[in-house]
Amino acid sequence: MITLQDRARGSFIGLAVGDALGSPTEGKTPDEISSRWGRVIDFLSEDQGGSDDTEYALFSSKLLLRHKRDLTSQIVADAYRRDIVNAANSYKGAGFSEMIAINNLIKGLQPPASGQHLHSWSDGLAMRVAPYGITSVGDPHFAAHLAKEDGLVANAGEGIFSGQVVAAAIAVAMTGASFEQIVQTALEVIPKNSWTASSITRGIFIGNSCTDVWSSLKPLHASLACSYYFWPDVAPEAVGLAFGLIAAARGKFEDAVLGAVNIGRDTDTIAAIAGAICGASQGIQVIPEQWTKRISVSQGICINAVKNMNIIETADDLALLAQSQSWSKKP
């Protein structure tokens, strides 16, 4: 039997493993990855670890565990100012959406204005929403609500839609639902005519038509990747590729994550999304133990406030919150 704790651990560790495995291949094309490494199926170096995807998810977890269902965009913005925009923080940057939002916050802008900028459709929100899905077990709409509150600080439009659909998918996956149910329910939380919804639908169609994840890489990349744009962190693209790879992998954790690592573009985020959804669906048991050990504690490279946070312990705390009386009392 897969417990709620198993699924919470699987989702958060799945995110962190995908983030770490995908970091060396980020920004490259499938051909560039293949030419340099062949097929990447494991960590490429001893010092390879998680990046901003994992650390922002831990940062969101801290806020969620403290404020529970009352989390708002203003609370998130205040936390950015206190813990990220801080001389004591060894902040080394993240996605463009976060960097621009931080500058907006420094200038005195508040959400949603802080997230309304030229890079608002980046995947900075989609990469970190696992905590909202983990706690909102079986309640995809509330998971989407929390993702939006977080997203208003640094994103707008498609950047928020993509984060909402990932959070909703994880909330449904935490119940053990089939992939078809996960997709159908998650798509209900975003506009049907959105770029994000279209990208996910197209990605899944391509993934289902392929015999395995490896045969899906080129057709998915050719159909969904915005190769004409010089930055790879386009949210609808990343989310569409992640869902397409899960479909092609028939939900198998390792295949979906490694497919994401090898597909190019924003590989760490694509792999983090795929890993978080598959991990929530199947539990931590499907993640190779040697991968889990590599990324169990945050290094705090990007956000000093999450340094030394234990990912499994954080996942356990989120699972306990999901089961608590304070969480179940809806406003």
Foldseek 3Di string as FASTA:
>chain_A
DQDLLQLLLQQLLQLFLLQQLQVVQAFHALVVCCVPPNQRQDHPDLQGGHDPLNVVLLVLLVQCLVQPLNDALQSLLVCCVVFPVDPPALADDDDPLVVQLSVVVVVPDGFLVSQPDPCQQFQSLLSRLLLLLSLLAPNLLSSLVSSQRNSSSRHDDNNSLLNSLLSSLLNDLLVLDALVVSNVRSLVNDDCPGLLNVLQVVLLVLLQVDQALVRSLVVLCVVQFPVVDSAQRRRSSLSSPLNSSCNNHSLQLSSSSSSLSSNYRRSSSSSSSNSSNSCSNPGPVSPPPVSCVSHQADCSNRTVVRHRPGSSVSSSSSSVSSVDPVNPDDD
